[in-house]
N, C-alpha and C. Protein backbone atom coordinates (compact mmCIF):
# COMPACT_ATOMS: atom_id res chain seq x y z
N UNK A 1 162.37 301.54 298.58
CA UNK A 1 162.10 300.12 298.67
C UNK A 1 161.39 299.84 299.99
N UNK A 2 160.30 299.10 299.94
CA UNK A 2 159.51 298.76 301.12
C UNK A 2 160.18 297.65 301.91
N UNK A 3 160.23 297.82 303.22
CA UNK A 3 160.76 296.79 304.11
C UNK A 3 159.63 295.83 304.44
N UNK A 4 159.87 294.53 304.26
CA UNK A 4 158.85 293.53 304.55
C UNK A 4 158.97 293.12 306.01
N UNK A 5 157.95 293.43 306.79
CA UNK A 5 157.94 293.13 308.22
C UNK A 5 157.09 291.92 308.56
N UNK A 6 156.82 291.07 307.60
CA UNK A 6 155.95 289.93 307.86
C UNK A 6 156.62 288.87 308.73
N UNK A 7 157.92 288.69 308.62
CA UNK A 7 158.63 287.65 309.36
C UNK A 7 159.53 288.27 310.42
N UNK A 8 159.62 287.59 311.58
CA UNK A 8 160.56 288.02 312.61
C UNK A 8 161.42 286.83 313.01
N UNK A 9 162.68 287.14 313.31
CA UNK A 9 163.61 286.10 313.74
C UNK A 9 163.49 285.95 315.25
N UNK A 10 163.15 284.74 315.72
CA UNK A 10 162.98 284.52 317.16
C UNK A 10 164.12 283.74 317.78
N UNK A 11 164.99 283.14 316.96
CA UNK A 11 166.12 282.37 317.48
C UNK A 11 167.23 282.39 316.45
N UNK A 12 168.48 282.51 316.92
CA UNK A 12 169.63 282.47 316.04
C UNK A 12 170.79 281.83 316.78
N UNK A 13 171.50 280.94 316.07
CA UNK A 13 172.63 280.24 316.67
C UNK A 13 173.69 280.02 315.61
N UNK A 14 174.96 280.28 315.95
CA UNK A 14 176.07 279.98 315.06
C UNK A 14 176.47 281.13 314.17
N UNK A 15 177.71 281.02 313.67
CA UNK A 15 178.27 282.02 312.76
C UNK A 15 178.52 281.40 311.38
N UNK A 16 179.24 280.28 311.34
CA UNK A 16 179.51 279.60 310.07
C UNK A 16 178.44 278.56 309.76
N UNK A 17 177.94 277.93 310.77
CA UNK A 17 176.89 276.93 310.66
C UNK A 17 175.65 277.54 311.34
N UNK A 18 174.85 278.27 310.56
CA UNK A 18 173.78 279.09 311.11
C UNK A 18 172.47 278.31 311.18
N UNK A 19 171.79 278.43 312.33
CA UNK A 19 170.45 277.89 312.48
C UNK A 19 169.57 278.99 313.07
N UNK A 20 168.43 279.26 312.41
CA UNK A 20 167.54 280.32 312.85
C UNK A 20 166.10 279.83 312.80
N UNK A 21 165.26 280.42 313.64
CA UNK A 21 163.82 280.18 313.60
C UNK A 21 163.16 281.51 313.27
N UNK A 22 162.33 281.50 312.23
CA UNK A 22 161.60 282.67 311.78
C UNK A 22 160.11 282.41 311.95
N UNK A 23 159.36 283.43 312.34
CA UNK A 23 157.92 283.29 312.55
C UNK A 23 157.19 284.25 311.62
N UNK A 24 156.19 283.72 310.92
CA UNK A 24 155.31 284.51 310.08
C UNK A 24 154.31 285.21 311.00
N UNK A 25 154.34 286.54 311.05
CA UNK A 25 153.48 287.27 311.98
C UNK A 25 152.01 287.20 311.61
N UNK A 26 151.68 286.90 310.36
CA UNK A 26 150.27 286.81 309.95
C UNK A 26 149.66 285.46 310.31
N UNK A 27 150.43 284.38 310.14
CA UNK A 27 149.89 283.04 310.38
C UNK A 27 150.39 282.40 311.67
N UNK A 28 151.52 282.88 312.20
CA UNK A 28 152.11 282.30 313.40
C UNK A 28 152.94 281.06 313.13
N UNK A 29 153.06 280.63 311.87
CA UNK A 29 153.81 279.43 311.52
C UNK A 29 155.31 279.68 311.69
N UNK A 30 156.01 278.71 312.30
CA UNK A 30 157.45 278.79 312.54
C UNK A 30 158.20 278.08 311.42
N UNK A 31 159.31 278.68 310.98
CA UNK A 31 160.15 278.11 309.94
C UNK A 31 161.56 277.94 310.47
N UNK A 32 162.21 276.84 310.09
CA UNK A 32 163.59 276.58 310.46
C UNK A 32 164.47 276.87 309.25
N UNK A 33 165.47 277.73 309.45
CA UNK A 33 166.43 278.08 308.40
C UNK A 33 167.80 277.58 308.84
N UNK A 34 168.50 276.88 307.93
CA UNK A 34 169.83 276.38 308.24
C UNK A 34 170.75 276.69 307.07
N UNK A 35 171.92 277.25 307.38
CA UNK A 35 172.90 277.56 306.35
C UNK A 35 174.27 277.07 306.80
N UNK A 36 174.97 276.43 305.87
CA UNK A 36 176.32 275.94 306.13
C UNK A 36 177.10 276.04 304.82
N UNK A 37 178.20 276.78 304.84
CA UNK A 37 178.99 276.95 303.63
C UNK A 37 178.18 277.67 302.56
N UNK A 38 178.11 277.07 301.38
CA UNK A 38 177.37 277.68 300.27
C UNK A 38 175.94 277.19 300.19
N UNK A 39 175.52 276.30 301.08
CA UNK A 39 174.17 275.76 301.03
C UNK A 39 173.29 276.31 302.13
N UNK A 40 171.99 276.34 301.85
CA UNK A 40 171.02 276.81 302.84
C UNK A 40 169.67 276.17 302.55
N UNK A 41 168.84 276.09 303.58
CA UNK A 41 167.51 275.53 303.41
C UNK A 41 166.52 276.14 304.38
N UNK A 42 165.26 276.11 304.00
CA UNK A 42 164.18 276.65 304.81
C UNK A 42 163.04 275.64 304.79
N UNK A 43 162.49 275.33 305.97
CA UNK A 43 161.40 274.37 306.05
C UNK A 43 160.48 274.74 307.20
N UNK A 44 159.25 274.26 307.14
CA UNK A 44 158.30 274.47 308.23
C UNK A 44 158.78 273.66 309.43
N UNK A 45 158.73 274.27 310.61
CA UNK A 45 159.11 273.58 311.84
C UNK A 45 157.91 272.77 312.31
N UNK A 46 158.10 271.45 312.50
CA UNK A 46 157.00 270.55 312.85
C UNK A 46 157.11 270.09 314.30
N UNK A 47 155.94 269.81 314.90
CA UNK A 47 155.93 269.27 316.26
C UNK A 47 156.03 267.75 316.20
N UNK A 48 155.90 267.08 317.35
CA UNK A 48 156.06 265.63 317.41
C UNK A 48 154.97 264.87 316.65
N UNK A 49 153.84 265.54 316.34
CA UNK A 49 152.75 264.91 315.60
C UNK A 49 152.80 265.21 314.11
N UNK A 50 153.82 265.94 313.67
CA UNK A 50 153.95 266.26 312.26
C UNK A 50 153.16 267.48 311.83
N UNK A 51 152.63 268.25 312.78
CA UNK A 51 151.87 269.45 312.46
C UNK A 51 152.78 270.67 312.64
N UNK A 52 152.52 271.75 311.88
CA UNK A 52 153.36 272.95 311.99
C UNK A 52 153.29 273.55 313.40
N UNK A 53 154.44 274.04 313.87
CA UNK A 53 154.49 274.75 315.13
C UNK A 53 153.95 276.15 314.88
N UNK A 54 152.94 276.55 315.67
CA UNK A 54 152.31 277.86 315.48
C UNK A 54 152.44 278.65 316.78
N UNK A 55 152.99 279.84 316.65
CA UNK A 55 153.13 280.76 317.78
C UNK A 55 151.92 281.68 317.78
N UNK A 56 151.19 281.76 318.90
CA UNK A 56 150.03 282.68 318.97
C UNK A 56 150.45 284.12 318.70
N UNK A 57 149.63 284.85 317.93
CA UNK A 57 149.97 286.21 317.51
C UNK A 57 150.16 287.15 318.70
N UNK A 58 149.43 286.96 319.78
CA UNK A 58 149.53 287.88 320.92
C UNK A 58 150.86 287.75 321.67
N UNK A 59 151.63 286.70 321.41
CA UNK A 59 152.92 286.53 322.08
C UNK A 59 154.09 287.08 321.26
N UNK A 60 153.83 287.49 320.03
CA UNK A 60 154.89 288.00 319.15
C UNK A 60 155.15 289.48 319.41
N UNK A 61 156.44 289.87 319.44
CA UNK A 61 156.75 291.31 319.57
C UNK A 61 156.53 292.02 318.25
N UNK A 62 155.90 293.17 318.27
CA UNK A 62 155.64 293.93 317.03
C UNK A 62 156.44 295.18 317.00
């Protein structure tokens, strides 16, 4: 089975109430993941202007 290395976790907080930030290494787009109990959600992380937060590729660890 191939391991997908496209996304990296850049932030993690909590054990039961989990909040994480994942970055797409190809596009640099940041995603917010939140899980609590049996529910979970994933969404694009937006800045104050409503645009996606993008991390420059040269700053990502490979």
